[in-house]
Amino acid sequence: TTDETKGFELGAADYILKPFSPPILYSRVKTHLALKHHMDAMRVANENMEAANKLVTEKNQMLESLSTQLSKYLSPQVYESIFSGKQEVKVASRRKKLTIFFSDIVGFTETTDN
């Protein structure tokens, strides 16, 4: 058993004593091949999940940036109504008037972006 213990301490996943039974050996090899297959599938799934998480993080950062930029042009009440999701917000007719109003102010965008 000292060789068996040493083998496991060195990283062995299984240990077969001599003389061995061919059916037992076959079953153990089959089990280890299945484990390898599942470990490979889990590695690929983890890589896909990490890529998806990275994409979600990037999209969230983009949305946060857009939200911050949009907050400069809306009243706090309208901004909160839009992003709280608690009620439907209709600002289409006002948006056009605000856009025209903002475009009439010389240097407005430059001033607000700073």
PDB file of N, CA and C in Angstrom:
ATOM      1  N   THR A   1       0.804  -1.211   0.000  1.00  0.00           N
ATOM      2  CA  THR A   1       0.000   0.000   0.000  1.00  0.00           C
ATOM      3  C   THR A   1       0.844   1.272   0.000  1.00  0.00           C
ATOM      4  N   THR A   2       2.122   1.200   0.324  1.00  0.00           N
ATOM      5  CA  THR A   2       2.948   2.400   0.304  1.00  0.00           C
ATOM      6  C   THR A   2       3.127   2.906  -1.116  1.00  0.00           C
ATOM      7  N   ASP A   3       3.281   1.991  -2.085  1.00  0.00           N
ATOM      8  CA  ASP A   3       3.364   2.413  -3.486  1.00  0.00           C
ATOM      9  C   ASP A   3       2.047   3.051  -3.933  1.00  0.00           C
ATOM     10  N   GLU A   4       0.957   2.466  -3.469  1.00  0.00           N
ATOM     11  CA  GLU A   4      -0.365   3.001  -3.817  1.00  0.00           C
ATOM     12  C   GLU A   4      -0.528   4.416  -3.251  1.00  0.00           C
ATOM     13  N   THR A   5      -0.167   4.602  -2.000  1.00  0.00           N
ATOM     14  CA  THR A   5      -0.249   5.918  -1.362  1.00  0.00           C
ATOM     15  C   THR A   5       0.645   6.919  -2.075  1.00  0.00           C
ATOM     16  N   LYS A   6       1.878   6.505  -2.380  1.00  0.00           N
ATOM     17  CA  LYS A   6       2.810   7.389  -3.073  1.00  0.00           C
ATOM     18  C   LYS A   6       2.254   7.798  -4.439  1.00  0.00           C
ATOM     19  N   GLY A   7       1.648   6.839  -5.151  1.00  0.00           N
ATOM     20  CA  GLY A   7       1.050   7.133  -6.455  1.00  0.00           C
ATOM     21  C   GLY A   7      -0.043   8.184  -6.355  1.00  0.00           C
ATOM     22  N   PHE A   8      -0.925   8.052  -5.365  1.00  0.00           N
ATOM     23  CA  PHE A   8      -1.998   9.039  -5.183  1.00  0.00           C
ATOM     24  C   PHE A   8      -1.439  10.396  -4.762  1.00  0.00           C
ATOM     25  N   GLU A   9      -0.398  10.385  -3.928  1.00  0.00           N
ATOM     26  CA  GLU A   9       0.222  11.642  -3.509  1.00  0.00           C
ATOM     27  C   GLU A   9       0.857  12.369  -4.690  1.00  0.00           C
ATOM     28  N   LEU A  10       1.312  11.610  -5.684  1.00  0.00           N
ATOM     29  CA  LEU A  10       1.927  12.199  -6.871  1.00  0.00           C
ATOM     30  C   LEU A  10       0.903  12.617  -7.920  1.00  0.00           C
ATOM     31  N   GLY A  11      -0.383  12.368  -7.660  1.00  0.00           N
ATOM     32  CA  GLY A  11      -1.421  12.841  -8.569  1.00  0.00           C
ATOM     33  C   GLY A  11      -2.160  11.763  -9.335  1.00  0.00           C
ATOM     34  N   ALA A  12      -1.909  10.507  -9.020  1.00  0.00           N
ATOM     35  CA  ALA A  12      -2.622   9.431  -9.715  1.00  0.00           C
ATOM     36  C   ALA A  12      -4.111   9.501  -9.383  1.00  0.00           C
ATOM     37  N   ALA A  13      -4.947   9.157 -10.360  1.00  0.00           N
ATOM     38  CA  ALA A  13      -6.394   9.148 -10.153  1.00  0.00           C
ATOM     39  C   ALA A  13      -6.898   7.733  -9.880  1.00  0.00           C
ATOM     40  N   ASP A  14      -6.068   6.748 -10.162  1.00  0.00           N
ATOM     41  CA  ASP A  14      -6.451   5.349  -9.963  1.00  0.00           C
ATOM     42  C   ASP A  14      -5.178   4.534  -9.789  1.00  0.00           C
ATOM     43  N   TYR A  15      -5.326   3.340  -9.248  1.00  0.00           N
ATOM     44  CA  TYR A  15      -4.180   2.464  -9.018  1.00  0.00           C
ATOM     45  C   TYR A  15      -4.659   1.037  -9.211  1.00  0.00           C
ATOM     46  N   ILE A  16      -3.952   0.305 -10.035  1.00  0.00           N
ATOM     47  CA  ILE A  16      -4.345  -1.079 -10.326  1.00  0.00           C
ATOM     48  C   ILE A  16      -3.252  -2.011  -9.817  1.00  0.00           C
ATOM     49  N   LEU A  17      -3.655  -2.997  -9.045  1.00  0.00           N
ATOM     50  CA  LEU A  17      -2.715  -3.983  -8.518  1.00  0.00           C
ATOM     51  C   LEU A  17      -2.618  -5.175  -9.467  1.00  0.00           C
ATOM     52  N   LYS A  18      -1.433  -5.779  -9.503  1.00  0.00           N
ATOM     53  CA  LYS A  18      -1.253  -6.994 -10.300  1.00  0.00           C
ATOM     54  C   LYS A  18      -1.561  -8.190  -9.419  1.00  0.00           C
ATOM     55  N   PRO A  19      -2.031  -9.243  -9.924  1.00  0.00           N
ATOM     56  CA  PRO A  19      -2.568  -9.404 -11.272  1.00  0.00           C
ATOM     57  C   PRO A  19      -3.909  -8.682 -11.377  1.00  0.00           C
ATOM     58  N   PHE A  20      -4.182  -8.140 -12.560  1.00  0.00           N
ATOM     59  CA  PHE A  20      -5.427  -7.403 -12.743  1.00  0.00           C
ATOM     60  C   PHE A  20      -6.376  -8.205 -13.622  1.00  0.00           C
ATOM     61  N   SER A  21      -7.638  -7.886 -13.498  1.00  0.00           N
ATOM     62  CA  SER A  21      -8.687  -8.535 -14.277  1.00  0.00           C
ATOM     63  C   SER A  21      -8.964  -7.673 -15.506  1.00  0.00           C
ATOM     64  N   PRO A  22      -8.883  -8.238 -16.721  1.00  0.00           N
ATOM     65  CA  PRO A  22      -9.159  -7.447 -17.930  1.00  0.00           C
ATOM     66  C   PRO A  22     -10.509  -6.723 -17.910  1.00  0.00           C
ATOM     67  N   PRO A  23     -11.607  -7.367 -17.468  1.00  0.00           N
ATOM     68  CA  PRO A  23     -12.878  -6.622 -17.433  1.00  0.00           C
ATOM     69  C   PRO A  23     -12.832  -5.419 -16.468  1.00  0.00           C
ATOM     70  N   ILE A  24     -12.145  -5.596 -15.334  1.00  0.00           N
ATOM     71  CA  ILE A  24     -12.014  -4.491 -14.376  1.00  0.00           C
ATOM     72  C   ILE A  24     -11.172  -3.374 -14.993  1.00  0.00           C
ATOM     73  N   LEU A  25     -10.070  -3.743 -15.649  1.00  0.00           N
ATOM     74  CA  LEU A  25      -9.215  -2.761 -16.308  1.00  0.00           C
ATOM     75  C   LEU A  25     -10.003  -1.998 -17.374  1.00  0.00           C
ATOM     76  N   TYR A  26     -10.779  -2.726 -18.169  1.00  0.00           N
ATOM     77  CA  TYR A  26     -11.591  -2.104 -19.214  1.00  0.00           C
ATOM     78  C   TYR A  26     -12.574  -1.099 -18.600  1.00  0.00           C
ATOM     79  N   SER A  27     -13.234  -1.489 -17.520  1.00  0.00           N
ATOM     80  CA  SER A  27     -14.211  -0.607 -16.863  1.00  0.00           C
ATOM     81  C   SER A  27     -13.550   0.650 -16.316  1.00  0.00           C
ATOM     82  N   ARG A  28     -12.371   0.487 -15.735  1.00  0.00           N
ATOM     83  CA  ARG A  28     -11.666   1.653 -15.189  1.00  0.00           C
ATOM     84  C   ARG A  28     -11.227   2.601 -16.303  1.00  0.00           C
ATOM     85  N   VAL A  29     -10.695   2.047 -17.385  1.00  0.00           N
ATOM     86  CA  VAL A  29     -10.279   2.884 -18.515  1.00  0.00           C
ATOM     87  C   VAL A  29     -11.491   3.612 -19.091  1.00  0.00           C
ATOM     88  N   LYS A  30     -12.596   2.899 -19.240  1.00  0.00           N
ATOM     89  CA  LYS A  30     -13.824   3.498 -19.762  1.00  0.00           C
ATOM     90  C   LYS A  30     -14.295   4.645 -18.855  1.00  0.00           C
ATOM     91  N   THR A  31     -14.225   4.435 -17.553  1.00  0.00           N
ATOM     92  CA  THR A  31     -14.618   5.467 -16.595  1.00  0.00           C
ATOM     93  C   THR A  31     -13.734   6.699 -16.716  1.00  0.00           C
ATOM     94  N   HIS A  32     -12.420   6.484 -16.834  1.00  0.00           N
ATOM     95  CA  HIS A  32     -11.497   7.620 -16.931  1.00  0.00           C
ATOM     96  C   HIS A  32     -11.655   8.367 -18.260  1.00  0.00           C
ATOM     97  N   LEU A  33     -11.966   7.648 -19.326  1.00  0.00           N
ATOM     98  CA  LEU A  33     -12.222   8.318 -20.606  1.00  0.00           C
ATOM     99  C   LEU A  33     -13.488   9.178 -20.520  1.00  0.00           C
ATOM    100  N   ALA A  34     -14.506   8.654 -19.840  1.00  0.00           N
ATOM    101  CA  ALA A  34     -15.743   9.427 -19.656  1.00  0.00           C
ATOM    102  C   ALA A  34     -15.469  10.672 -18.803  1.00  0.00           C
ATOM    103  N   LEU A  35     -14.672  10.508 -17.743  1.00  0.00           N
ATOM    104  CA  LEU A  35     -14.314  11.659 -16.909  1.00  0.00           C
ATOM    105  C   LEU A  35     -13.566  12.713 -17.721  1.00  0.00           C
ATOM    106  N   LYS A  36     -12.637  12.282 -18.559  1.00  0.00           N
ATOM    107  CA  LYS A  36     -11.873  13.204 -19.404  1.00  0.00           C
ATOM    108  C   LYS A  36     -12.813  13.951 -20.350  1.00  0.00           C
ATOM    109  N   HIS A  37     -13.743  13.214 -20.952  1.00  0.00           N
ATOM    110  CA  HIS A  37     -14.711  13.832 -21.863  1.00  0.00           C
ATOM    111  C   HIS A  37     -15.526  14.907 -21.130  1.00  0.00           C
ATOM    112  N   HIS A  38     -15.999  14.588 -19.937  1.00  0.00           N
ATOM    113  CA  HIS A  38     -16.810  15.541 -19.174  1.00  0.00           C
ATOM    114  C   HIS A  38     -15.979  16.744 -18.715  1.00  0.00           C
ATOM    115  N   MET A  39     -14.733  16.507 -18.355  1.00  0.00           N
ATOM    116  CA  MET A  39     -13.863  17.619 -17.956  1.00  0.00           C
ATOM    117  C   MET A  39     -13.605  18.550 -19.139  1.00  0.00           C
ATOM    118  N   ASP A  40     -13.391  17.977 -20.325  1.00  0.00           N
ATOM    119  CA  ASP A  40     -13.189  18.798 -21.527  1.00  0.00           C
ATOM    120  C   ASP A  40     -14.440  19.619 -21.843  1.00  0.00           C
ATOM    121  N   ALA A  41     -15.605  18.979 -21.730  1.00  0.00           N
ATOM    122  CA  ALA A  41     -16.867  19.681 -21.994  1.00  0.00           C
ATOM    123  C   ALA A  41     -17.070  20.811 -20.982  1.00  0.00           C
ATOM    124  N   MET A  42     -16.713  20.563 -19.733  1.00  0.00           N
ATOM    125  CA  MET A  42     -16.858  21.589 -18.706  1.00  0.00           C
ATOM    126  C   MET A  42     -15.876  22.741 -18.956  1.00  0.00           C
ATOM    127  N   ARG A  43     -14.680  22.442 -19.413  1.00  0.00           N
ATOM    128  CA  ARG A  43     -13.703  23.486 -19.726  1.00  0.00           C
ATOM    129  C   ARG A  43     -14.234  24.381 -20.848  1.00  0.00           C
ATOM    130  N   VAL A  44     -14.786  23.766 -21.897  1.00  0.00           N
ATOM    131  CA  VAL A  44     -15.342  24.540 -23.015  1.00  0.00           C
ATOM    132  C   VAL A  44     -16.530  25.386 -22.538  1.00  0.00           C
ATOM    133  N   ALA A  45     -17.386  24.796 -21.712  1.00  0.00           N
ATOM    134  CA  ALA A  45     -18.536  25.541 -21.182  1.00  0.00           C
ATOM    135  C   ALA A  45     -18.068  26.724 -20.336  1.00  0.00           C
ATOM    136  N   ASN A  46     -17.023  26.527 -19.538  1.00  0.00           N
ATOM    137  CA  ASN A  46     -16.479  27.625 -18.724  1.00  0.00           C
ATOM    138  C   ASN A  46     -15.892  28.721 -19.599  1.00  0.00           C
ATOM    139  N   GLU A  47     -15.193  28.343 -20.664  1.00  0.00           N
ATOM    140  CA  GLU A  47     -14.640  29.338 -21.585  1.00  0.00           C
ATOM    141  C   GLU A  47     -15.759  30.141 -22.249  1.00  0.00           C
ATOM    142  N   ASN A  48     -16.827  29.447 -22.656  1.00  0.00           N
ATOM    143  CA  ASN A  48     -17.972  30.134 -23.264  1.00  0.00           C
ATOM    144  C   ASN A  48     -18.641  31.076 -22.265  1.00  0.00           C
ATOM    145  N   MET A  49     -18.757  30.620 -21.027  1.00  0.00           N
ATOM    146  CA  MET A  49     -19.377  31.447 -19.997  1.00  0.00           C
ATOM    147  C   MET A  49     -18.522  32.683 -19.716  1.00  0.00           C
ATOM    148  N   GLU A  50     -17.208  32.522 -19.665  1.00  0.00           N
ATOM    149  CA  GLU A  50     -16.323  33.666 -19.442  1.00  0.00           C
ATOM    150  C   GLU A  50     -16.432  34.669 -20.591  1.00  0.00           C
ATOM    151  N   ALA A  51     -16.516  34.174 -21.821  1.00  0.00           N
ATOM    152  CA  ALA A  51     -16.666  35.067 -22.978  1.00  0.00           C
ATOM    153  C   ALA A  51     -18.003  35.809 -22.905  1.00  0.00           C
ATOM    154  N   ALA A  52     -19.066  35.094 -22.526  1.00  0.00           N
ATOM    155  CA  ALA A  52     -20.383  35.726 -22.402  1.00  0.00           C
ATOM    156  C   ALA A  52     -20.378  36.764 -21.280  1.00  0.00           C
ATOM    157  N   ASN A  53     -19.732  36.448 -20.159  1.00  0.00           N
ATOM    158  CA  ASN A  53     -19.640  37.409 -19.054  1.00  0.00           C
ATOM    159  C   ASN A  53     -18.872  38.655 -19.468  1.00  0.00           C
ATOM    160  N   LYS A  54     -17.815  38.471 -20.238  1.00  0.00           N
ATOM    161  CA  LYS A  54     -17.034  39.612 -20.714  1.00  0.00           C
ATOM    162  C   LYS A  54     -17.894  40.496 -21.615  1.00  0.00           C
ATOM    163  N   LEU A  55     -18.657  39.866 -22.510  1.00  0.00           N
ATOM    164  CA  LEU A  55     -19.530  40.616 -23.409  1.00  0.00           C
ATOM    165  C   LEU A  55     -20.599  41.378 -22.629  1.00  0.00           C
ATOM    166  N   VAL A  56     -21.196  40.730 -21.645  1.00  0.00           N
ATOM    167  CA  VAL A  56     -22.219  41.386 -20.823  1.00  0.00           C
ATOM    168  C   VAL A  56     -21.617  42.575 -20.075  1.00  0.00           C
ATOM    169  N   THR A  57     -20.407  42.404 -19.543  1.00  0.00           N
ATOM    170  CA  THR A  57     -19.737  43.500 -18.842  1.00  0.00           C
ATOM    171  C   THR A  57     -19.488  44.674 -19.779  1.00  0.00           C
ATOM    172  N   GLU A  58     -19.013  44.385 -20.987  1.00  0.00           N
ATOM    173  CA  GLU A  58     -18.768  45.446 -21.966  1.00  0.00           C
ATOM    174  C   GLU A  58     -20.058  46.173 -22.332  1.00  0.00           C
ATOM    175  N   LYS A  59     -21.130  45.407 -22.547  1.00  0.00           N
ATOM    176  CA  LYS A  59     -22.421  46.019 -22.901  1.00  0.00           C
ATOM    177  C   LYS A  59     -22.956  46.857 -21.736  1.00  0.00           C
ATOM    178  N   ASN A  60     -22.802  46.371 -20.510  1.00  0.00           N
ATOM    179  CA  ASN A  60     -23.249  47.142 -19.347  1.00  0.00           C
ATOM    180  C   ASN A  60     -22.480  48.451 -19.221  1.00  0.00           C
ATOM    181  N   GLN A  61     -21.179  48.404 -19.473  1.00  0.00           N
ATOM    182  CA  GLN A  61     -20.380  49.627 -19.419  1.00  0.00           C
ATOM    183  C   GLN A  61     -20.838  50.614 -20.487  1.00  0.00           C
ATOM    184  N   MET A  62     -21.145  50.098 -21.673  1.00  0.00           N
ATOM    185  CA  MET A  62     -21.627  50.959 -22.747  1.00  0.00           C
ATOM    186  C   MET A  62     -22.967  51.597 -22.354  1.00  0.00           C
ATOM    187  N   LEU A  63     -23.869  50.794 -21.784  1.00  0.00           N
ATOM    188  CA  LEU A  63     -25.171  51.316 -21.365  1.00  0.00           C
ATOM    189  C   LEU A  63     -25.028  52.342 -20.245  1.00  0.00           C
ATOM    190  N   GLU A  64     -24.121  52.097 -19.314  1.00  0.00           N
ATOM    191  CA  GLU A  64     -23.889  53.069 -18.244  1.00  0.00           C
ATOM    192  C   GLU A  64     -23.379  54.389 -18.813  1.00  0.00           C
ATOM    193  N   SER A  65     -22.494  54.297 -19.785  1.00  0.00           N
ATOM    194  CA  SER A  65     -21.967  55.506 -20.420  1.00  0.00           C
ATOM    195  C   SER A  65     -23.074  56.264 -21.144  1.00  0.00           C
ATOM    196  N   LEU A  66     -23.893  55.541 -21.898  1.00  0.00           N
ATOM    197  CA  LEU A  66     -25.010  56.182 -22.602  1.00  0.00           C
ATOM    198  C   LEU A  66     -26.001  56.793 -21.621  1.00  0.00           C
ATOM    199  N   SER A  67     -26.251  56.086 -20.536  1.00  0.00           N
ATOM    200  CA  SER A  67     -27.169  56.591 -19.521  1.00  0.00           C
ATOM    201  C   SER A  67     -26.648  57.886 -18.908  1.00  0.00           C
ATOM    202  N   THR A  68     -25.350  57.924 -18.636  1.00  0.00           N
ATOM    203  CA  THR A  68     -24.742  59.132 -18.076  1.00  0.00           C
ATOM    204  C   THR A  68     -24.848  60.290 -19.056  1.00  0.00           C
ATOM    205  N   GLN A  69     -24.575  60.021 -20.322  1.00  0.00           N
ATOM    206  CA  GLN A  69     -24.674  61.070 -21.336  1.00  0.00           C
ATOM    207  C   GLN A  69     -26.111  61.560 -21.479  1.00  0.00           C
ATOM    208  N   LEU A  70     -27.051  60.621 -21.467  1.00  0.00           N
ATOM    209  CA  LEU A  70     -28.460  60.981 -21.612  1.00  0.00           C
ATOM    210  C   LEU A  70     -28.950  61.804 -20.424  1.00  0.00           C
ATOM    211  N   SER A  71     -28.425  61.517 -19.248  1.00  0.00           N
ATOM    212  CA  SER A  71     -28.876  62.244 -18.055  1.00  0.00           C
ATOM    213  C   SER A  71     -28.564  63.732 -18.135  1.00  0.00           C
ATOM    214  N   LYS A  72     -27.603  64.112 -18.956  1.00  0.00           N
ATOM    215  CA  LYS A  72     -27.266  65.531 -19.116  1.00  0.00           C
ATOM    216  C   LYS A  72     -28.382  66.304 -19.814  1.00  0.00           C
ATOM    217  N   TYR A  73     -29.183  65.616 -20.614  1.00  0.00           N
ATOM    218  CA  TYR A  73     -30.179  66.279 -21.455  1.00  0.00           C
ATOM    219  C   TYR A  73     -31.609  66.116 -20.955  1.00  0.00           C
ATOM    220  N   LEU A  74     -31.806  65.375 -19.875  1.00  0.00           N
ATOM    221  CA  LEU A  74     -33.155  65.142 -19.361  1.00  0.00           C
ATOM    222  C   LEU A  74     -33.267  65.662 -17.941  1.00  0.00           C
ATOM    223  N   SER A  75     -34.481  66.036 -17.583  1.00  0.00           N
ATOM    224  CA  SER A  75     -34.704  66.422 -16.191  1.00  0.00           C
ATOM    225  C   SER A  75     -34.558  65.175 -15.323  1.00  0.00           C
ATOM    226  N   PRO A  76     -34.212  65.347 -14.062  1.00  0.00           N
ATOM    227  CA  PRO A  76     -34.072  64.179 -13.184  1.00  0.00           C
ATOM    228  C   PRO A  76     -35.344  63.338 -13.111  1.00  0.00           C
ATOM    229  N   GLN A  77     -36.523  63.994 -13.162  1.00  0.00           N
ATOM    230  CA  GLN A  77     -37.785  63.260 -13.084  1.00  0.00           C
ATOM    231  C   GLN A  77     -37.991  62.385 -14.322  1.00  0.00           C
ATOM    232  N   VAL A  78     -37.736  62.935 -15.497  1.00  0.00           N
ATOM    233  CA  VAL A  78     -37.909  62.167 -16.738  1.00  0.00           C
ATOM    234  C   VAL A  78     -36.881  61.043 -16.787  1.00  0.00           C
ATOM    235  N   TYR A  79     -35.650  61.358 -16.428  1.00  0.00           N
ATOM    236  CA  TYR A  79     -34.586  60.347 -16.428  1.00  0.00           C
ATOM    237  C   TYR A  79     -34.960  59.187 -15.510  1.00  0.00           C
ATOM    238  N   GLU A  80     -35.403  59.496 -14.293  1.00  0.00           N
ATOM    239  CA  GLU A  80     -35.788  58.459 -13.330  1.00  0.00           C
ATOM    240  C   GLU A  80     -36.971  57.650 -13.849  1.00  0.00           C
ATOM    241  N   SER A  81     -37.940  58.316 -14.464  1.00  0.00           N
ATOM    242  CA  SER A  81     -39.106  57.606 -15.006  1.00  0.00           C
ATOM    243  C   SER A  81     -38.698  56.617 -16.087  1.00  0.00           C
ATOM    244  N   ILE A  82     -37.765  57.021 -16.933  1.00  0.00           N
ATOM    245  CA  ILE A  82     -37.329  56.148 -18.026  1.00  0.00           C
ATOM    246  C   ILE A  82     -36.582  54.935 -17.489  1.00  0.00           C
ATOM    247  N   PHE A  83     -35.651  55.156 -16.564  1.00  0.00           N
ATOM    248  CA  PHE A  83     -34.763  54.077 -16.146  1.00  0.00           C
ATOM    249  C   PHE A  83     -35.263  53.272 -14.959  1.00  0.00           C
ATOM    250  N   SER A  84     -36.328  53.729 -14.310  1.00  0.00           N
ATOM    251  CA  SER A  84     -36.874  52.929 -13.213  1.00  0.00           C
ATOM    252  C   SER A  84     -37.719  51.781 -13.748  1.00  0.00           C
ATOM    253  N   GLY A  85     -38.304  51.972 -14.944  1.00  0.00           N
ATOM    254  CA  GLY A  85     -39.136  50.924 -15.536  1.00  0.00           C
ATOM    255  C   GLY A  85     -40.488  50.785 -14.871  1.00  0.00           C
ATOM    256  N   LYS A  86     -40.831  51.705 -13.981  1.00  0.00           N
ATOM    257  CA  LYS A  86     -42.088  51.599 -13.252  1.00  0.00           C
ATOM    258  C   LYS A  86     -43.284  52.071 -14.060  1.00  0.00           C
ATOM    259  N   GLN A  87     -43.048  52.937 -15.008  1.00  0.00           N
ATOM    260  CA  GLN A  87     -44.158  53.440 -15.813  1.00  0.00           C
ATOM    261  C   GLN A  87     -43.682  53.705 -17.230  1.00  0.00           C
ATOM    262  N   GLU A  88     -44.630  53.701 -18.132  1.00  0.00           N
ATOM    263  CA  GLU A  88     -44.305  53.993 -19.525  1.00  0.00           C
ATOM    264  C   GLU A  88     -44.140  55.500 -19.674  1.00  0.00           C
ATOM    265  N   VAL A  89     -43.075  55.883 -20.320  1.00  0.00           N
ATOM    266  CA  VAL A  89     -42.781  57.310 -20.471  1.00  0.00           C
ATOM    267  C   VAL A  89     -42.952  57.696 -21.924  1.00  0.00           C
ATOM    268  N   LYS A  90     -43.723  58.777 -22.147  1.00  0.00           N
ATOM    269  CA  LYS A  90     -43.921  59.276 -23.503  1.00  0.00           C
ATOM    270  C   LYS A  90     -43.401  60.707 -23.546  1.00  0.00           C
ATOM    271  N   VAL A  91     -42.253  60.870 -24.167  1.00  0.00           N
ATOM    272  CA  VAL A  91     -41.655  62.201 -24.261  1.00  0.00           C
ATOM    273  C   VAL A  91     -41.362  62.568 -25.709  1.00  0.00           C
ATOM    274  N   ALA A  92     -41.967  61.888 -26.655  1.00  0.00           N
ATOM    275  CA  ALA A  92     -41.656  62.095 -28.069  1.00  0.00           C
ATOM    276  C   ALA A  92     -41.920  63.532 -28.505  1.00  0.00           C
ATOM    277  N   SER A  93     -43.089  64.081 -28.164  1.00  0.00           N
ATOM    278  CA  SER A  93     -43.395  65.438 -28.617  1.00  0.00           C
ATOM    279  C   SER A  93     -42.500  66.462 -27.925  1.00  0.00           C
ATOM    280  N   ARG A  94     -42.186  66.258 -26.692  1.00  0.00           N
ATOM    281  CA  ARG A  94     -41.310  67.172 -25.970  1.00  0.00           C
ATOM    282  C   ARG A  94     -39.868  67.040 -26.443  1.00  0.00           C
ATOM    283  N   ARG A  95     -39.475  65.819 -26.790  1.00  0.00           N
ATOM    284  CA  ARG A  95     -38.098  65.605 -27.220  1.00  0.00           C
ATOM    285  C   ARG A  95     -37.779  66.456 -28.443  1.00  0.00           C
ATOM    286  N   LYS A  96     -38.714  66.529 -29.384  1.00  0.00           N
ATOM    287  CA  LYS A  96     -38.478  67.310 -30.592  1.00  0.00           C
ATOM    288  C   LYS A  96     -38.280  68.781 -30.242  1.00  0.00           C
ATOM    289  N   LYS A  97     -39.103  69.300 -29.367  1.00  0.00           N
ATOM    290  CA  LYS A  97     -38.982  70.700 -28.969  1.00  0.00           C
ATOM    291  C   LYS A  97     -37.670  70.942 -28.232  1.00  0.00           C
ATOM    292  N   LEU A  98     -37.280  70.007 -27.382  1.00  0.00           N
ATOM    293  CA  LEU A  98     -36.021  70.148 -26.657  1.00  0.00           C
ATOM    294  C   LEU A  98     -34.837  70.088 -27.601  1.00  0.00           C
ATOM    295  N   THR A  99     -34.915  69.218 -28.586  1.00  0.00           N
ATOM    296  CA  THR A  99     -33.831  69.101 -29.555  1.00  0.00           C
ATOM    297  C   THR A  99     -33.661  70.404 -30.322  1.00  0.00           C
ATOM    298  N   ILE A 100     -34.756  70.969 -30.746  1.00  0.00           N
ATOM    299  CA  ILE A 100     -34.701  72.246 -31.463  1.00  0.00           C
ATOM    300  C   ILE A 100     -34.164  73.333 -30.541  1.00  0.00           C
ATOM    301  N   PHE A 101     -34.627  73.337 -29.321  1.00  0.00           N
ATOM    302  CA  PHE A 101     -34.172  74.326 -28.352  1.00  0.00           C
ATOM    303  C   PHE A 101     -32.670  74.201 -28.109  1.00  0.00           C
ATOM    304  N   PHE A 102     -32.192  72.993 -27.884  1.00  0.00           N
ATOM    305  CA  PHE A 102     -30.777  72.779 -27.620  1.00  0.00           C
ATOM    306  C   PHE A 102     -29.915  73.136 -28.822  1.00  0.00           C
ATOM    307  N   SER A 103     -30.414  72.854 -30.020  1.00  0.00           N
ATOM    308  CA  SER A 103     -29.609  73.146 -31.203  1.00  0.00           C
ATOM    309  C   SER A 103     -29.505  74.644 -31.465  1.00  0.00           C
ATOM    310  N   ASP A 104     -30.407  75.440 -30.887  1.00  0.00           N
ATOM    311  CA  ASP A 104     -30.369  76.884 -31.078  1.00  0.00           C
ATOM    312  C   ASP A 104     -29.345  77.565 -30.171  1.00  0.00           C
ATOM    313  N   ILE A 105     -28.856  76.866 -29.157  1.00  0.00           N
ATOM    314  CA  ILE A 105     -27.881  77.453 -28.245  1.00  0.00           C
ATOM    315  C   ILE A 105     -26.488  77.184 -28.800  1.00  0.00           C
ATOM    316  N   VAL A 106     -25.765  78.239 -29.099  1.00  0.00           N
ATOM    317  CA  VAL A 106     -24.431  78.110 -29.684  1.00  0.00           C
ATOM    318  C   VAL A 106     -23.493  77.492 -28.652  1.00  0.00           C
ATOM    319  N   GLY A 107     -22.803  76.423 -29.048  1.00  0.00           N
ATOM    320  CA  GLY A 107     -21.819  75.783 -28.179  1.00  0.00           C
ATOM    321  C   GLY A 107     -22.418  74.976 -27.041  1.00  0.00           C
ATOM    322  N   PHE A 108     -23.703  74.634 -27.125  1.00  0.00           N
ATOM    323  CA  PHE A 108     -24.351  73.908 -26.036  1.00  0.00           C
ATOM    324  C   PHE A 108     -23.697  72.553 -25.791  1.00  0.00           C
ATOM    325  N   THR A 109     -23.499  71.774 -26.854  1.00  0.00           N
ATOM    326  CA  THR A 109     -22.932  70.435 -26.703  1.00  0.00           C
ATOM    327  C   THR A 109     -21.530  70.506 -26.121  1.00  0.00           C
ATOM    328  N   GLU A 110     -20.733  71.413 -26.616  1.00  0.00           N
ATOM    329  CA  GLU A 110     -19.362  71.556 -26.111  1.00  0.00           C
ATOM    330  C   GLU A 110     -19.374  71.913 -24.625  1.00  0.00           C
ATOM    331  N   THR A 111     -20.275  72.779 -24.235  1.00  0.00           N
ATOM    332  CA  THR A 111     -20.371  73.196 -22.834  1.00  0.00           C
ATOM    333  C   THR A 111     -20.807  72.041 -21.943  1.00  0.00           C
ATOM    334  N   THR A 112     -21.808  71.273 -22.369  1.00  0.00           N
ATOM    335  CA  THR A 112     -22.316  70.185 -21.534  1.00  0.00           C
ATOM    336  C   THR A 112     -21.369  69.005 -21.477  1.00  0.00           C
ATOM    337  N   ASP A 113     -20.588  68.773 -22.513  1.00  0.00           N
ATOM    338  CA  ASP A 113     -19.650  67.649 -22.508  1.00  0.00           C
ATOM    339  C   ASP A 113     -18.450  67.919 -21.611  1.00  0.00           C
ATOM    340  N   ASN A 114     -18.196  69.159 -21.317  1.00  0.00           N
ATOM    341  CA  ASN A 114     -17.063  69.504 -20.439  1.00  0.00           C
ATOM    342  C   ASN A 114     -17.563  69.550 -19.043  1.00  0.00           C
TER     343      ASN A 114
END
